[in-house]
C-alpha atoms as a PDB file:
ATOM      1  CA  UNK A   1     116.383  86.264  -3.136  1.00  0.00           C
ATOM      2  CA  UNK A   2     119.202  86.324  -0.379  1.00  0.00           C
ATOM      3  CA  UNK A   3     122.813  85.600  -0.792  1.00  0.00           C
ATOM      4  CA  UNK A   4     122.052  82.083   0.427  1.00  0.00           C
ATOM      5  CA  UNK A   5     119.432  81.194  -1.316  1.00  0.00           C
ATOM      6  CA  UNK A   6     121.656  82.217  -4.855  1.00  0.00           C
ATOM      7  CA  UNK A   7     124.400  80.021  -3.663  1.00  0.00           C
ATOM      8  CA  UNK A   8     121.947  76.834  -2.670  1.00  0.00           C
ATOM      9  CA  UNK A   9     120.107  77.487  -5.977  1.00  0.00           C
ATOM     10  CA  UNK A  10     123.523  77.778  -7.951  1.00  0.00           C
ATOM     11  CA  UNK A  11     124.616  74.684  -6.280  1.00  0.00           C
ATOM     12  CA  UNK A  12     121.328  72.789  -7.442  1.00  0.00           C
ATOM     13  CA  UNK A  13     121.320  74.228 -10.700  1.00  0.00           C
ATOM     14  CA  UNK A  14     125.245  72.578 -11.495  1.00  0.00           C
ATOM     15  CA  UNK A  15     124.311  69.627  -9.373  1.00  0.00           C
ATOM     16  CA  UNK A  16     121.221  68.958 -11.957  1.00  0.00           C
ATOM     17  CA  UNK A  17     123.259  69.876 -14.836  1.00  0.00           C
ATOM     18  CA  UNK A  18     126.105  67.332 -14.024  1.00  0.00           C
ATOM     19  CA  UNK A  19     122.795  64.359 -13.643  1.00  0.00           C
ATOM     20  CA  UNK A  20     121.661  64.890 -17.268  1.00  0.00           C
ATOM     21  CA  UNK A  21     122.809  61.518 -19.745  1.00  0.00           C
ATOM     22  CA  UNK A  22     123.619  59.958 -16.193  1.00  0.00           C
ATOM     23  CA  UNK A  23     126.040  61.748 -15.506  1.00  0.00           C
ATOM     24  CA  UNK A  24     128.286  62.309 -18.387  1.00  0.00           C
ATOM     25  CA  UNK A  25     129.579  65.205 -19.499  1.00  0.00           C
ATOM     26  CA  UNK A  26     129.348  64.621 -23.104  1.00  0.00           C
ATOM     27  CA  UNK A  27     131.715  66.972 -24.470  1.00  0.00           C
ATOM     28  CA  UNK A  28     134.719  66.379 -26.662  1.00  0.00           C
ATOM     29  CA  UNK A  29     138.235  67.971 -27.024  1.00  0.00           C
ATOM     30  CA  UNK A  30     139.726  69.031 -30.326  1.00  0.00           C
ATOM     31  CA  UNK A  31     142.367  70.670 -32.393  1.00  0.00           C
ATOM     32  CA  UNK A  32     141.576  72.587 -36.169  1.00  0.00           C
ATOM     33  CA  UNK A  33     144.858  74.157 -36.439  1.00  0.00           C
ATOM     34  CA  UNK A  34     148.514  73.226 -35.301  1.00  0.00           C
ATOM     35  CA  UNK A  35     151.822  75.550 -36.169  1.00  0.00           C
ATOM     36  CA  UNK A  36     154.820  74.952 -34.513  1.00  0.00           C
ATOM     37  CA  UNK A  37     158.503  76.320 -35.203  1.00  0.00           C
ATOM     38  CA  UNK A  38     161.910  76.025 -33.622  1.00  0.00           C
ATOM     39  CA  UNK A  39     165.055  77.668 -33.193  1.00  0.00           C
ATOM     40  CA  UNK A  40     167.787  75.595 -35.210  1.00  0.00           C
ATOM     41  CA  UNK A  41     170.468  76.890 -33.347  1.00  0.00           C
ATOM     42  CA  UNK A  42     169.057  75.540 -30.277  1.00  0.00           C
ATOM     43  CA  UNK A  43     167.345  73.012 -31.347  1.00  0.00           C
ATOM     44  CA  UNK A  44     167.170  69.410 -33.623  1.00  0.00           C
ATOM     45  CA  UNK A  45     164.736  66.863 -34.989  1.00  0.00           C
ATOM     46  CA  UNK A  46     162.284  69.334 -34.377  1.00  0.00           C
ATOM     47  CA  UNK A  47     158.434  66.965 -35.218  1.00  0.00           C
ATOM     48  CA  UNK A  48     155.497  67.980 -34.363  1.00  0.00           C
ATOM     49  CA  UNK A  49     151.732  67.089 -35.182  1.00  0.00           C
ATOM     50  CA  UNK A  50     148.317  66.262 -33.830  1.00  0.00           C
ATOM     51  CA  UNK A  51     145.021  64.058 -34.882  1.00  0.00           C
ATOM     52  CA  UNK A  52     142.043  64.124 -33.339  1.00  0.00           C
ATOM     53  CA  UNK A  53     140.239  60.682 -32.047  1.00  0.00           C
ATOM     54  CA  UNK A  54     136.827  61.291 -31.570  1.00  0.00           C
ATOM     55  CA  UNK A  55     135.757  62.798 -28.428  1.00  0.00           C
ATOM     56  CA  UNK A  56     139.901  63.692 -27.727  1.00  0.00           C
ATOM     57  CA  UNK A  57     142.617  65.133 -29.581  1.00  0.00           C
ATOM     58  CA  UNK A  58     146.416  63.668 -29.560  1.00  0.00           C
ATOM     59  CA  UNK A  59     149.269  65.831 -29.913  1.00  0.00           C
ATOM     60  CA  UNK A  60     152.674  64.855 -30.733  1.00  0.00           C
ATOM     61  CA  UNK A  61     155.858  66.744 -30.421  1.00  0.00           C
ATOM     62  CA  UNK A  62     159.508  65.319 -30.381  1.00  0.00           C
ATOM     63  CA  UNK A  63     162.739  67.381 -30.416  1.00  0.00           C
ATOM     64  CA  UNK A  64     166.202  67.717 -28.930  1.00  0.00           C
ATOM     65  CA  UNK A  65     168.163  70.585 -27.320  1.00  0.00           C
ATOM     66  CA  UNK A  66     171.956  71.002 -28.950  1.00  0.00           C
ATOM     67  CA  UNK A  67     173.618  71.958 -25.316  1.00  0.00           C
ATOM     68  CA  UNK A  68     172.680  71.018 -21.612  1.00  0.00           C
ATOM     69  CA  UNK A  69     169.865  72.769 -20.651  1.00  0.00           C
ATOM     70  CA  UNK A  70     169.425  74.055 -16.723  1.00  0.00           C
ATOM     71  CA  UNK A  71     166.677  76.299 -17.064  1.00  0.00           C
ATOM     72  CA  UNK A  72     163.504  75.744 -19.023  1.00  0.00           C
ATOM     73  CA  UNK A  73     160.646  78.505 -19.235  1.00  0.00           C
ATOM     74  CA  UNK A  74     157.342  77.837 -20.981  1.00  0.00           C
ATOM     75  CA  UNK A  75     155.045  80.889 -21.318  1.00  0.00           C
ATOM     76  CA  UNK A  76     151.498  79.559 -21.729  1.00  0.00           C
ATOM     77  CA  UNK A  77     148.650  81.284 -22.890  1.00  0.00           C
ATOM     78  CA  UNK A  78     145.517  79.965 -23.163  1.00  0.00           C
ATOM     79  CA  UNK A  79     142.279  82.150 -24.746  1.00  0.00           C
ATOM     80  CA  UNK A  80     138.094  81.214 -25.173  1.00  0.00           C
ATOM     81  CA  UNK A  81     137.129  83.085 -28.371  1.00  0.00           C
ATOM     82  CA  UNK A  82     133.227  84.337 -28.078  1.00  0.00           C
ATOM     83  CA  UNK A  83     131.074  84.229 -31.651  1.00  0.00           C
ATOM     84  CA  UNK A  84     132.411  87.714 -32.412  1.00  0.00           C
ATOM     85  CA  UNK A  85     136.187  86.967 -31.824  1.00  0.00           C
ATOM     86  CA  UNK A  86     136.681  88.463 -28.776  1.00  0.00           C
ATOM     87  CA  UNK A  87     139.172  86.697 -26.283  1.00  0.00           C
ATOM     88  CA  UNK A  88     138.127  85.790 -23.128  1.00  0.00           C
ATOM     89  CA  UNK A  89     141.646  84.790 -21.192  1.00  0.00           C
ATOM     90  CA  UNK A  90     141.280  81.505 -19.193  1.00  0.00           C
ATOM     91  CA  UNK A  91     145.486  81.582 -18.547  1.00  0.00           C
ATOM     92  CA  UNK A  92     148.485  83.876 -19.068  1.00  0.00           C
ATOM     93  CA  UNK A  93     151.137  82.333 -16.956  1.00  0.00           C
ATOM     94  CA  UNK A  94     155.192  81.796 -17.700  1.00  0.00           C
ATOM     95  CA  UNK A  95     156.241  78.252 -15.783  1.00  0.00           C
ATOM     96  CA  UNK A  96     159.506  77.185 -14.696  1.00  0.00           C
ATOM     97  CA  UNK A  97     159.196  73.538 -16.430  1.00  0.00           C
ATOM     98  CA  UNK A  98     161.903  72.401 -14.270  1.00  0.00           C
ATOM     99  CA  UNK A  99     160.084  72.248 -11.412  1.00  0.00           C
ATOM    100  CA  UNK A 100     156.820  70.606 -13.621  1.00  0.00           C
ATOM    101  CA  UNK A 101     156.259  68.480 -10.641  1.00  0.00           C
ATOM    102  CA  UNK A 102     155.444  71.559  -8.737  1.00  0.00           C
ATOM    103  CA  UNK A 103     152.421  72.288 -10.166  1.00  0.00           C
ATOM    104  CA  UNK A 104     150.140  69.597  -9.348  1.00  0.00           C
ATOM    105  CA  UNK A 105     149.680  71.989  -6.281  1.00  0.00           C
ATOM    106  CA  UNK A 106     148.816  74.959  -7.984  1.00  0.00           C
ATOM    107  CA  UNK A 107     145.230  76.388  -7.190  1.00  0.00           C
ATOM    108  CA  UNK A 108     144.916  76.992 -10.841  1.00  0.00           C
ATOM    109  CA  UNK A 109     142.475  74.399 -12.286  1.00  0.00           C
ATOM    110  CA  UNK A 110     143.833  74.562 -15.678  1.00  0.00           C
ATOM    111  CA  UNK A 111     147.190  74.371 -14.571  1.00  0.00           C
ATOM    112  CA  UNK A 112     146.608  70.754 -12.876  1.00  0.00           C
ATOM    113  CA  UNK A 113     145.045  69.031 -15.591  1.00  0.00           C
ATOM    114  CA  UNK A 114     147.825  70.202 -18.084  1.00  0.00           C
ATOM    115  CA  UNK A 115     150.646  69.336 -15.907  1.00  0.00           C
ATOM    116  CA  UNK A 116     148.772  65.852 -14.910  1.00  0.00           C
ATOM    117  CA  UNK A 117     149.049  65.396 -18.804  1.00  0.00           C
ATOM    118  CA  UNK A 118     152.278  66.105 -19.279  1.00  0.00           C
ATOM    119  CA  UNK A 119     153.979  64.034 -16.929  1.00  0.00           C
ATOM    120  CA  UNK A 120     151.761  61.259 -18.300  1.00  0.00           C
ATOM    121  CA  UNK A 121     153.087  61.119 -21.759  1.00  0.00           C
ATOM    122  CA  UNK A 122     156.234  62.419 -21.755  1.00  0.00           C
ATOM    123  CA  UNK A 123     159.894  60.629 -20.923  1.00  0.00           C
ATOM    124  CA  UNK A 124     161.305  64.261 -19.811  1.00  0.00           C
ATOM    125  CA  UNK A 125     161.322  64.482 -15.850  1.00  0.00           C
ATOM    126  CA  UNK A 126     163.467  67.197 -14.481  1.00  0.00           C
ATOM    127  CA  UNK A 127     166.686  69.765 -15.345  1.00  0.00           C
ATOM    128  CA  UNK A 128     169.506  69.081 -16.849  1.00  0.00           C
ATOM    129  CA  UNK A 129     168.330  67.947 -19.876  1.00  0.00           C
ATOM    130  CA  UNK A 130     171.743  66.734 -21.356  1.00  0.00           C
ATOM    131  CA  UNK A 131     172.102  68.058 -25.478  1.00  0.00           C
ATOM    132  CA  UNK A 132     170.610  65.210 -28.343  1.00  0.00           C
ATOM    133  CA  UNK A 133     168.641  63.872 -25.922  1.00  0.00           C
ATOM    134  CA  UNK A 134     165.314  63.212 -27.308  1.00  0.00           C
ATOM    135  CA  UNK A 135     162.254  64.569 -25.990  1.00  0.00           C
ATOM    136  CA  UNK A 136     158.984  63.041 -26.797  1.00  0.00           C
ATOM    137  CA  UNK A 137     154.981  64.018 -25.847  1.00  0.00           C
ATOM    138  CA  UNK A 138     153.008  61.080 -26.869  1.00  0.00           C
ATOM    139  CA  UNK A 139     149.394  61.203 -27.462  1.00  0.00           C
ATOM    140  CA  UNK A 140     148.841  64.713 -25.054  1.00  0.00           C
ATOM    141  CA  UNK A 141     145.567  65.259 -24.528  1.00  0.00           C
ATOM    142  CA  UNK A 142     143.227  67.203 -22.443  1.00  0.00           C
ATOM    143  CA  UNK A 143     140.412  64.252 -21.014  1.00  0.00           C
ATOM    144  CA  UNK A 144     137.104  66.154 -21.909  1.00  0.00           C
ATOM    145  CA  UNK A 145     135.503  64.729 -18.504  1.00  0.00           C
ATOM    146  CA  UNK A 146     137.488  67.583 -16.422  1.00  0.00           C
ATOM    147  CA  UNK A 147     135.822  69.978 -17.123  1.00  0.00           C
ATOM    148  CA  UNK A 148     132.222  71.138 -15.606  1.00  0.00           C
ATOM    149  CA  UNK A 149     129.004  69.584 -17.051  1.00  0.00           C
ATOM    150  CA  UNK A 150     127.830  73.318 -17.174  1.00  0.00           C
ATOM    151  CA  UNK A 151     130.392  74.631 -19.365  1.00  0.00           C
ATOM    152  CA  UNK A 152     129.357  75.770 -22.844  1.00  0.00           C
ATOM    153  CA  UNK A 153     130.547  74.892 -26.099  1.00  0.00           C
ATOM    154  CA  UNK A 154     133.467  77.558 -27.567  1.00  0.00           C
ATOM    155  CA  UNK A 155     136.196  77.674 -29.785  1.00  0.00           C
ATOM    156  CA  UNK A 156     139.552  77.738 -27.907  1.00  0.00           C
ATOM    157  CA  UNK A 157     143.337  79.516 -28.851  1.00  0.00           C
ATOM    158  CA  UNK A 158     146.936  78.742 -27.462  1.00  0.00           C
ATOM    159  CA  UNK A 159     150.181  79.246 -27.503  1.00  0.00           C
ATOM    160  CA  UNK A 160     153.306  78.495 -26.085  1.00  0.00           C
ATOM    161  CA  UNK A 161     156.648  79.573 -26.185  1.00  0.00           C
ATOM    162  CA  UNK A 162     160.074  77.814 -24.760  1.00  0.00           C
ATOM    163  CA  UNK A 163     162.917  79.836 -23.541  1.00  0.00           C
ATOM    164  CA  UNK A 164     166.044  77.170 -22.957  1.00  0.00           C
ATOM    165  CA  UNK A 165     168.431  79.426 -20.730  1.00  0.00           C
ATOM    166  CA  UNK A 166     167.487  82.301 -21.269  1.00  0.00           C
ATOM    167  CA  UNK A 167     167.718  81.922 -24.968  1.00  0.00           C
ATOM    168  CA  UNK A 168     164.310  81.555 -27.499  1.00  0.00           C
ATOM    169  CA  UNK A 169     163.479  77.908 -28.458  1.00  0.00           C
ATOM    170  CA  UNK A 170     159.933  76.907 -29.972  1.00  0.00           C
ATOM    171  CA  UNK A 171     156.336  78.483 -30.119  1.00  0.00           C
ATOM    172  CA  UNK A 172     153.142  76.456 -30.963  1.00  0.00           C
ATOM    173  CA  UNK A 173     150.226  77.940 -31.977  1.00  0.00           C
ATOM    174  CA  UNK A 174     147.117  75.654 -31.487  1.00  0.00           C
ATOM    175  CA  UNK A 175     143.218  76.824 -32.348  1.00  0.00           C
ATOM    176  CA  UNK A 176     140.673  73.621 -31.512  1.00  0.00           C
ATOM    177  CA  UNK A 177     136.870  73.292 -29.995  1.00  0.00           C
ATOM    178  CA  UNK A 178     135.354  71.379 -26.757  1.00  0.00           C
ATOM    179  CA  UNK A 179     131.989  71.054 -27.827  1.00  0.00           C
ATOM    180  CA  UNK A 180     129.020  68.919 -26.805  1.00  0.00           C
ATOM    181  CA  UNK A 181     128.118  65.420 -28.399  1.00  0.00           C
END
């Protein structure tokens, strides 16, 4: 089949997939494991939790820095797990959190989705972050409708490492699944 016809066939297939179930994608996003730790020399009152509310998992963080933070980075990594536990990397990036709102212009769809949601649910706005100011992230979730309709169900793992003023201050590890309901 000529290349142009392959593209048309692919587009028709995607269109057909997205119209099944009256255009609803019917995905759920859940967390099955979460563990986090913080550097007690740099942070205080570090709390975290998650709960699953079908079809979305919701994450909660609350913490304070002990000193003024002028530079904050996050190394984020997300992998999709295959049935044989091989990993397929979806994202591996170090971000300048102080410029979080610039991420909406990123060409990376995963970054756009994650940063848009973070802006919605946090009281963090920009650097510098003053000492003893409580930073809250409440009910952070990923909207299952943001996934393409042809996406298969899969397990994922993610890790986030925060560095403040060039010193490691916190890490979080997650495992979860995205599945059709």
